[in-house]
Amino acid sequence: MFRRTVDWSQVMLGGLLVAIGDIVFATTLWFSWDAAGLQRVFQTIAVGVLGQASYDGGTGSAVLGAVLHVFMAIMFVVIYTVVARRRPALLLHPVTLGMAYGVVLYVVMNFVVMPLSRVGRSPSFAHPDWISYSVLAHMLFGVVCVLFARRALGTK
């Protein structure tokens, strides 16, 4: 059904697309589209490691946030690819399964990763509309993850 080796370049590309999409989403919804806004979005990601001191870290903490963000996005695709390699049925319906995977990503990030990090509770919980937008965005990111897992495994 698919090749034995994983095309890791497709995994990386899928992760980069998820990372870019998420930054576009976050910047559009919560931050400004200028240098200060982009620095702030990446510093906000670095809060998970540095705590509130991230906002005092300037470009250095923004770079850390960007690296962490891209790493996590790539890992989303890696995880799906590795699991789908063992369970090929996960590649059969990319839209449906991708949307479901996106919901899983949203739940894990907001109810496991963020609470265990220095962020604590997600700030979006104060705004139900933000939750809706975030879930929809993650559903789209999940579809991207599945499509690139399929490409990485040679499935069309």
N, C-alpha and C. Protein backbone atom coordinates (compact mmCIF):
# COMPACT_ATOMS: atom_id res chain seq x y z
N MET A 1 0.82 -1.20 0.00
CA MET A 1 0.00 0.00 0.00
C MET A 1 0.86 1.26 0.00
N PHE A 2 2.01 1.23 0.67
CA PHE A 2 2.88 2.39 0.68
C PHE A 2 4.33 1.94 0.79
N ARG A 3 5.23 2.87 0.58
CA ARG A 3 6.65 2.52 0.58
C ARG A 3 7.13 2.18 1.99
N ARG A 4 8.22 1.44 2.05
CA ARG A 4 8.77 1.02 3.34
C ARG A 4 9.49 2.17 4.06
N THR A 5 10.08 3.05 3.30
CA THR A 5 10.81 4.16 3.91
C THR A 5 9.93 5.41 3.93
N VAL A 6 10.22 6.26 4.88
CA VAL A 6 9.47 7.51 5.02
C VAL A 6 10.24 8.61 4.30
N ASP A 7 9.54 9.39 3.49
CA ASP A 7 10.14 10.56 2.85
C ASP A 7 10.07 11.71 3.86
N TRP A 8 11.12 11.85 4.64
CA TRP A 8 11.13 12.82 5.74
C TRP A 8 11.04 14.26 5.25
N SER A 9 11.41 14.49 3.99
CA SER A 9 11.28 15.86 3.47
C SER A 9 9.80 16.26 3.40
N GLN A 10 8.93 15.30 3.12
CA GLN A 10 7.50 15.59 3.09
C GLN A 10 6.96 15.85 4.50
N VAL A 11 7.49 15.14 5.47
CA VAL A 11 7.11 15.36 6.87
C VAL A 11 7.53 16.77 7.29
N MET A 12 8.75 17.14 6.95
CA MET A 12 9.26 18.48 7.30
C MET A 12 8.43 19.57 6.61
N LEU A 13 8.16 19.38 5.33
CA LEU A 13 7.37 20.35 4.58
C LEU A 13 5.98 20.50 5.17
N GLY A 14 5.35 19.39 5.49
CA GLY A 14 4.02 19.45 6.11
C GLY A 14 4.07 20.18 7.44
N GLY A 15 5.08 19.90 8.25
CA GLY A 15 5.23 20.60 9.53
C GLY A 15 5.45 22.08 9.36
N LEU A 16 6.25 22.46 8.37
CA LEU A 16 6.47 23.88 8.11
C LEU A 16 5.19 24.57 7.67
N LEU A 17 4.39 23.89 6.85
CA LEU A 17 3.11 24.48 6.42
C LEU A 17 2.16 24.64 7.60
N VAL A 18 2.12 23.66 8.49
CA VAL A 18 1.29 23.78 9.69
C VAL A 18 1.78 24.95 10.55
N ALA A 19 3.09 25.06 10.73
CA ALA A 19 3.65 26.15 11.55
C ALA A 19 3.32 27.51 10.94
N ILE A 20 3.49 27.64 9.65
CA ILE A 20 3.19 28.92 8.98
C ILE A 20 1.70 29.22 9.08
N GLY A 21 0.88 28.23 8.83
CA GLY A 21 -0.57 28.42 8.93
C GLY A 21 -1.00 28.86 10.32
N ASP A 22 -0.41 28.25 11.33
CA ASP A 22 -0.76 28.60 12.70
C ASP A 22 -0.30 30.01 13.06
N ILE A 23 0.86 30.41 12.57
CA ILE A 23 1.33 31.78 12.84
C ILE A 23 0.44 32.79 12.12
N VAL A 24 0.06 32.48 10.90
CA VAL A 24 -0.86 33.37 10.18
C VAL A 24 -2.18 33.48 10.95
N PHE A 25 -2.69 32.35 11.40
CA PHE A 25 -3.93 32.33 12.19
C PHE A 25 -3.78 33.15 13.47
N ALA A 26 -2.74 32.88 14.25
CA ALA A 26 -2.55 33.57 15.53
C ALA A 26 -2.32 35.07 15.33
N THR A 27 -1.54 35.42 14.34
CA THR A 27 -1.24 36.83 14.10
C THR A 27 -2.50 37.57 13.64
N THR A 28 -3.28 36.91 12.81
CA THR A 28 -4.51 37.53 12.33
C THR A 28 -5.51 37.74 13.46
N LEU A 29 -5.60 36.79 14.35
CA LEU A 29 -6.62 36.85 15.40
C LEU A 29 -6.19 37.67 16.62
N TRP A 30 -4.91 37.54 17.03
CA TRP A 30 -4.52 38.11 18.32
C TRP A 30 -3.39 39.13 18.27
N PHE A 31 -2.62 39.17 17.23
CA PHE A 31 -1.44 40.03 17.20
C PHE A 31 -1.46 40.92 15.96
N SER A 32 -0.55 41.87 15.90
CA SER A 32 -0.49 42.75 14.74
C SER A 32 0.50 42.20 13.71
N TRP A 33 0.31 42.63 12.47
CA TRP A 33 1.15 42.17 11.37
C TRP A 33 2.34 43.11 11.16
N ASP A 34 3.03 43.43 12.21
CA ASP A 34 4.26 44.20 12.10
C ASP A 34 5.34 43.45 12.87
N ALA A 35 6.56 43.99 12.85
CA ALA A 35 7.68 43.30 13.51
C ALA A 35 7.39 43.08 15.00
N ALA A 36 6.81 44.08 15.65
CA ALA A 36 6.51 43.95 17.08
C ALA A 36 5.47 42.85 17.32
N GLY A 37 4.47 42.76 16.47
CA GLY A 37 3.44 41.74 16.62
C GLY A 37 3.99 40.34 16.41
N LEU A 38 4.84 40.20 15.39
CA LEU A 38 5.44 38.88 15.14
C LEU A 38 6.39 38.49 16.27
N GLN A 39 7.14 39.45 16.78
CA GLN A 39 8.02 39.15 17.91
C GLN A 39 7.18 38.72 19.11
N ARG A 40 6.08 39.40 19.32
CA ARG A 40 5.21 39.09 20.46
C ARG A 40 4.59 37.70 20.35
N VAL A 41 4.16 37.30 19.15
CA VAL A 41 3.56 35.98 18.99
C VAL A 41 4.57 34.89 19.32
N PHE A 42 5.80 35.05 18.87
CA PHE A 42 6.82 34.04 19.16
C PHE A 42 7.25 34.08 20.62
N GLN A 43 7.31 35.27 21.22
CA GLN A 43 7.60 35.35 22.65
C GLN A 43 6.51 34.66 23.45
N THR A 44 5.28 34.79 23.01
CA THR A 44 4.16 34.14 23.69
C THR A 44 4.32 32.62 23.67
N ILE A 45 4.82 32.09 22.58
CA ILE A 45 5.09 30.65 22.51
C ILE A 45 6.20 30.28 23.49
N ALA A 46 7.24 31.11 23.57
CA ALA A 46 8.37 30.85 24.47
C ALA A 46 7.98 30.94 25.94
N VAL A 47 6.83 31.54 26.25
CA VAL A 47 6.36 31.60 27.64
C VAL A 47 6.25 30.19 28.21
N GLY A 48 5.94 29.22 27.37
CA GLY A 48 5.82 27.84 27.83
C GLY A 48 7.08 27.32 28.49
N VAL A 49 8.23 27.84 28.08
CA VAL A 49 9.52 27.43 28.65
C VAL A 49 10.06 28.48 29.62
N LEU A 50 9.97 29.75 29.24
CA LEU A 50 10.60 30.82 30.02
C LEU A 50 9.68 31.50 31.02
N GLY A 51 8.39 31.25 30.92
CA GLY A 51 7.44 31.98 31.76
C GLY A 51 7.32 33.41 31.27
N GLN A 52 6.79 34.27 32.12
CA GLN A 52 6.55 35.66 31.74
C GLN A 52 7.84 36.41 31.39
N ALA A 53 8.99 35.90 31.82
CA ALA A 53 10.28 36.52 31.48
C ALA A 53 10.52 36.51 29.97
N SER A 54 9.77 35.69 29.24
CA SER A 54 9.92 35.64 27.79
C SER A 54 9.70 37.01 27.17
N TYR A 55 8.77 37.78 27.72
CA TYR A 55 8.47 39.09 27.15
C TYR A 55 9.59 40.10 27.37
N ASP A 56 10.49 39.81 28.26
CA ASP A 56 11.65 40.67 28.49
C ASP A 56 12.87 40.19 27.72
N GLY A 57 12.74 39.07 27.01
CA GLY A 57 13.87 38.45 26.34
C GLY A 57 14.17 38.95 24.95
N GLY A 58 13.38 39.87 24.45
CA GLY A 58 13.64 40.45 23.14
C GLY A 58 13.65 39.42 22.03
N THR A 59 14.55 39.64 21.09
CA THR A 59 14.65 38.77 19.92
C THR A 59 15.03 37.35 20.29
N GLY A 60 15.85 37.19 21.31
CA GLY A 60 16.29 35.85 21.72
C GLY A 60 15.13 34.96 22.11
N SER A 61 14.21 35.48 22.91
CA SER A 61 13.06 34.66 23.30
C SER A 61 12.11 34.46 22.13
N ALA A 62 12.04 35.42 21.22
CA ALA A 62 11.20 35.26 20.03
C ALA A 62 11.77 34.14 19.14
N VAL A 63 13.07 34.09 18.99
CA VAL A 63 13.70 33.03 18.20
C VAL A 63 13.44 31.67 18.85
N LEU A 64 13.57 31.60 20.17
CA LEU A 64 13.28 30.36 20.88
C LEU A 64 11.84 29.94 20.62
N GLY A 65 10.90 30.88 20.70
CA GLY A 65 9.50 30.57 20.44
C GLY A 65 9.27 30.07 19.02
N ALA A 66 9.95 30.69 18.06
CA ALA A 66 9.81 30.26 16.66
C ALA A 66 10.34 28.84 16.47
N VAL A 67 11.48 28.56 17.06
CA VAL A 67 12.06 27.21 16.95
C VAL A 67 11.13 26.18 17.60
N LEU A 68 10.63 26.50 18.78
CA LEU A 68 9.71 25.59 19.47
C LEU A 68 8.44 25.36 18.65
N HIS A 69 7.94 26.44 18.06
CA HIS A 69 6.71 26.35 17.27
C HIS A 69 6.90 25.44 16.06
N VAL A 70 7.97 25.64 15.32
CA VAL A 70 8.22 24.81 14.14
C VAL A 70 8.46 23.36 14.56
N PHE A 71 9.20 23.17 15.64
CA PHE A 71 9.46 21.81 16.13
C PHE A 71 8.15 21.09 16.46
N MET A 72 7.27 21.76 17.20
CA MET A 72 5.99 21.13 17.56
C MET A 72 5.16 20.81 16.32
N ALA A 73 5.12 21.72 15.37
CA ALA A 73 4.33 21.49 14.15
C ALA A 73 4.88 20.30 13.36
N ILE A 74 6.19 20.21 13.27
CA ILE A 74 6.80 19.06 12.58
C ILE A 74 6.47 17.77 13.34
N MET A 75 6.51 17.83 14.66
CA MET A 75 6.19 16.65 15.46
C MET A 75 4.75 16.19 15.25
N PHE A 76 3.83 17.13 15.00
CA PHE A 76 2.44 16.74 14.71
C PHE A 76 2.40 15.82 13.49
N VAL A 77 3.17 16.17 12.46
CA VAL A 77 3.19 15.36 11.24
C VAL A 77 3.98 14.07 11.48
N VAL A 78 5.08 14.15 12.22
CA VAL A 78 5.87 12.96 12.53
C VAL A 78 5.00 11.93 13.25
N ILE A 79 4.29 12.36 14.26
CA ILE A 79 3.46 11.44 15.05
C ILE A 79 2.43 10.76 14.16
N TYR A 80 1.73 11.54 13.34
CA TYR A 80 0.71 10.93 12.48
C TYR A 80 1.35 9.96 11.49
N THR A 81 2.48 10.34 10.94
CA THR A 81 3.16 9.48 9.96
C THR A 81 3.60 8.17 10.59
N VAL A 82 4.19 8.23 11.76
CA VAL A 82 4.68 7.02 12.43
C VAL A 82 3.51 6.10 12.80
N VAL A 83 2.45 6.67 13.32
CA VAL A 83 1.29 5.85 13.69
C VAL A 83 0.62 5.28 12.44
N ALA A 84 0.47 6.10 11.41
CA ALA A 84 -0.19 5.64 10.17
C ALA A 84 0.63 4.58 9.45
N ARG A 85 1.93 4.60 9.65
CA ARG A 85 2.77 3.57 9.04
C ARG A 85 2.41 2.20 9.61
N ARG A 86 2.05 2.17 10.87
CA ARG A 86 1.63 0.92 11.51
C ARG A 86 0.15 0.64 11.32
N ARG A 87 -0.63 1.69 11.11
CA ARG A 87 -2.08 1.57 10.93
C ARG A 87 -2.48 2.28 9.62
N PRO A 88 -2.23 1.64 8.49
CA PRO A 88 -2.47 2.29 7.19
C PRO A 88 -3.90 2.80 6.98
N ALA A 89 -4.86 2.27 7.69
CA ALA A 89 -6.25 2.75 7.55
C ALA A 89 -6.35 4.23 7.90
N LEU A 90 -5.40 4.74 8.68
CA LEU A 90 -5.41 6.16 9.05
C LEU A 90 -5.10 7.07 7.86
N LEU A 91 -4.74 6.49 6.74
CA LEU A 91 -4.43 7.27 5.55
C LEU A 91 -5.57 7.29 4.53
N LEU A 92 -6.63 6.52 4.79
CA LEU A 92 -7.67 6.32 3.79
C LEU A 92 -8.60 7.51 3.58
N HIS A 93 -8.90 8.24 4.62
CA HIS A 93 -9.86 9.35 4.54
C HIS A 93 -9.21 10.61 5.12
N PRO A 94 -8.37 11.28 4.33
CA PRO A 94 -7.57 12.37 4.87
C PRO A 94 -8.37 13.54 5.44
N VAL A 95 -9.48 13.87 4.85
CA VAL A 95 -10.24 15.02 5.35
C VAL A 95 -10.91 14.67 6.68
N THR A 96 -11.64 13.58 6.70
CA THR A 96 -12.35 13.20 7.91
C THR A 96 -11.37 12.90 9.06
N LEU A 97 -10.37 12.07 8.77
CA LEU A 97 -9.42 11.71 9.81
C LEU A 97 -8.53 12.89 10.18
N GLY A 98 -8.24 13.74 9.22
CA GLY A 98 -7.43 14.93 9.51
C GLY A 98 -8.18 15.89 10.43
N MET A 99 -9.46 16.08 10.18
CA MET A 99 -10.24 16.96 11.05
C MET A 99 -10.30 16.38 12.47
N ALA A 100 -10.47 15.07 12.56
CA ALA A 100 -10.48 14.44 13.88
C ALA A 100 -9.11 14.59 14.56
N TYR A 101 -8.04 14.40 13.80
CA TYR A 101 -6.70 14.57 14.35
C TYR A 101 -6.49 16.01 14.82
N GLY A 102 -7.02 16.96 14.08
CA GLY A 102 -6.92 18.36 14.48
C GLY A 102 -7.60 18.62 15.82
N VAL A 103 -8.75 18.00 16.04
CA VAL A 103 -9.43 18.14 17.33
C VAL A 103 -8.56 17.54 18.43
N VAL A 104 -7.96 16.39 18.15
CA VAL A 104 -7.05 15.78 19.13
C VAL A 104 -5.88 16.72 19.42
N LEU A 105 -5.32 17.32 18.38
CA LEU A 105 -4.21 18.26 18.58
C LEU A 105 -4.65 19.43 19.47
N TYR A 106 -5.83 19.97 19.20
CA TYR A 106 -6.33 21.09 20.00
C TYR A 106 -6.48 20.68 21.47
N VAL A 107 -7.09 19.53 21.69
CA VAL A 107 -7.31 19.06 23.07
C VAL A 107 -5.97 18.82 23.78
N VAL A 108 -5.05 18.15 23.12
CA VAL A 108 -3.75 17.86 23.75
C VAL A 108 -3.00 19.15 24.04
N MET A 109 -2.97 20.06 23.09
CA MET A 109 -2.23 21.31 23.31
C MET A 109 -2.85 22.14 24.44
N ASN A 110 -4.17 22.22 24.50
CA ASN A 110 -4.83 23.10 25.46
C ASN A 110 -5.09 22.48 26.82
N PHE A 111 -5.18 21.14 26.87
CA PHE A 111 -5.51 20.50 28.14
C PHE A 111 -4.38 19.66 28.72
N VAL A 112 -3.29 19.49 27.95
CA VAL A 112 -2.14 18.74 28.44
C VAL A 112 -0.88 19.60 28.38
N VAL A 113 -0.49 20.00 27.17
CA VAL A 113 0.79 20.70 26.98
C VAL A 113 0.80 22.05 27.70
N MET A 114 -0.19 22.89 27.43
CA MET A 114 -0.19 24.22 28.05
C MET A 114 -0.26 24.16 29.58
N PRO A 115 -1.15 23.36 30.15
CA PRO A 115 -1.18 23.30 31.62
C PRO A 115 0.12 22.77 32.23
N LEU A 116 0.82 21.90 31.52
CA LEU A 116 2.09 21.38 32.05
C LEU A 116 3.25 22.34 31.82
N SER A 117 3.06 23.32 30.95
CA SER A 117 4.12 24.29 30.68
C SER A 117 3.98 25.46 31.65
N ARG A 118 4.78 26.49 31.42
CA ARG A 118 4.71 27.68 32.26
C ARG A 118 3.59 28.62 31.84
N VAL A 119 2.84 28.23 30.81
CA VAL A 119 1.69 29.02 30.37
C VAL A 119 0.54 28.85 31.35
N GLY A 120 0.31 27.60 31.74
CA GLY A 120 -0.84 27.30 32.59
C GLY A 120 -2.09 27.16 31.73
N ARG A 121 -3.16 27.70 32.18
CA ARG A 121 -4.44 27.60 31.47
C ARG A 121 -4.41 28.46 30.21
N SER A 122 -5.00 27.94 29.13
CA SER A 122 -5.05 28.67 27.87
C SER A 122 -5.85 29.96 28.04
N PRO A 123 -5.30 31.09 27.56
CA PRO A 123 -6.05 32.34 27.66
C PRO A 123 -7.29 32.38 26.77
N SER A 124 -7.38 31.49 25.80
CA SER A 124 -8.53 31.51 24.89
C SER A 124 -9.80 31.02 25.56
N PHE A 125 -9.69 30.38 26.73
CA PHE A 125 -10.89 29.88 27.41
C PHE A 125 -11.81 31.00 27.87
N ALA A 126 -11.29 32.20 27.95
CA ALA A 126 -12.12 33.34 28.35
C ALA A 126 -12.98 33.84 27.19
N HIS A 127 -12.73 33.34 25.99
CA HIS A 127 -13.42 33.81 24.79
C HIS A 127 -13.94 32.62 23.99
N PRO A 128 -15.22 32.28 24.12
CA PRO A 128 -15.76 31.13 23.39
C PRO A 128 -15.57 31.21 21.88
N ASP A 129 -15.63 32.41 21.30
CA ASP A 129 -15.43 32.53 19.86
C ASP A 129 -14.00 32.14 19.48
N TRP A 130 -13.02 32.48 20.33
CA TRP A 130 -11.63 32.10 20.07
C TRP A 130 -11.48 30.58 20.09
N ILE A 131 -12.20 29.93 20.99
CA ILE A 131 -12.14 28.48 21.04
C ILE A 131 -12.65 27.90 19.73
N SER A 132 -13.77 28.41 19.24
CA SER A 132 -14.33 27.93 17.96
C SER A 132 -13.34 28.12 16.82
N TYR A 133 -12.76 29.31 16.73
CA TYR A 133 -11.78 29.59 15.68
C TYR A 133 -10.57 28.65 15.80
N SER A 134 -10.12 28.44 17.02
CA SER A 134 -8.94 27.60 17.24
C SER A 134 -9.21 26.15 16.88
N VAL A 135 -10.38 25.64 17.24
CA VAL A 135 -10.71 24.26 16.89
C VAL A 135 -10.78 24.11 15.37
N LEU A 136 -11.42 25.05 14.70
CA LEU A 136 -11.51 24.99 13.24
C LEU A 136 -10.12 25.05 12.60
N ALA A 137 -9.27 25.93 13.10
CA ALA A 137 -7.91 26.03 12.56
C ALA A 137 -7.15 24.72 12.77
N HIS A 138 -7.27 24.15 13.96
CA HIS A 138 -6.59 22.88 14.23
C HIS A 138 -7.12 21.75 13.35
N MET A 139 -8.40 21.80 13.03
CA MET A 139 -8.96 20.78 12.13
C MET A 139 -8.31 20.89 10.75
N LEU A 140 -8.11 22.12 10.28
CA LEU A 140 -7.41 22.32 9.01
C LEU A 140 -5.96 21.83 9.11
N PHE A 141 -5.29 22.16 10.22
CA PHE A 141 -3.91 21.70 10.40
C PHE A 141 -3.84 20.18 10.44
N GLY A 142 -4.84 19.55 11.03
CA GLY A 142 -4.89 18.09 11.06
C GLY A 142 -4.98 17.49 9.67
N VAL A 143 -5.77 18.12 8.81
CA VAL A 143 -5.88 17.64 7.42
C VAL A 143 -4.52 17.77 6.73
N VAL A 144 -3.83 18.87 6.95
CA VAL A 144 -2.49 19.04 6.37
C VAL A 144 -1.56 17.94 6.88
N CYS A 145 -1.64 17.63 8.16
CA CYS A 145 -0.80 16.57 8.73
C CYS A 145 -1.05 15.23 8.02
N VAL A 146 -2.31 14.88 7.83
CA VAL A 146 -2.65 13.61 7.18
C VAL A 146 -2.21 13.61 5.72
N LEU A 147 -2.44 14.70 5.02
CA LEU A 147 -2.04 14.74 3.61
C LEU A 147 -0.53 14.58 3.46
N PHE A 148 0.25 15.21 4.34
CA PHE A 148 1.69 15.09 4.22
C PHE A 148 2.20 13.75 4.76
N ALA A 149 1.49 13.13 5.69
CA ALA A 149 1.83 11.77 6.10
C ALA A 149 1.62 10.82 4.92
N ARG A 150 0.53 11.02 4.19
CA ARG A 150 0.28 10.22 2.99
C ARG A 150 1.41 10.39 1.97
N ARG A 151 1.81 11.64 1.76
CA ARG A 151 2.90 11.90 0.81
C ARG A 151 4.20 11.27 1.29
N ALA A 152 4.46 11.38 2.59
CA ALA A 152 5.69 10.83 3.16
C ALA A 152 5.74 9.32 3.03
N LEU A 153 4.57 8.69 3.04
CA LEU A 153 4.50 7.23 2.96
C LEU A 153 4.21 6.73 1.55
N GLY A 154 4.16 7.67 0.59
CA GLY A 154 3.98 7.29 -0.81
C GLY A 154 2.58 6.90 -1.17
N THR A 155 1.59 7.35 -0.39
CA THR A 155 0.19 7.06 -0.67
C THR A 155 -0.43 8.26 -1.34
N LYS A 156 -1.19 8.03 -2.37
CA LYS A 156 -1.82 9.15 -3.09
C LYS A 156 -3.24 9.31 -2.69
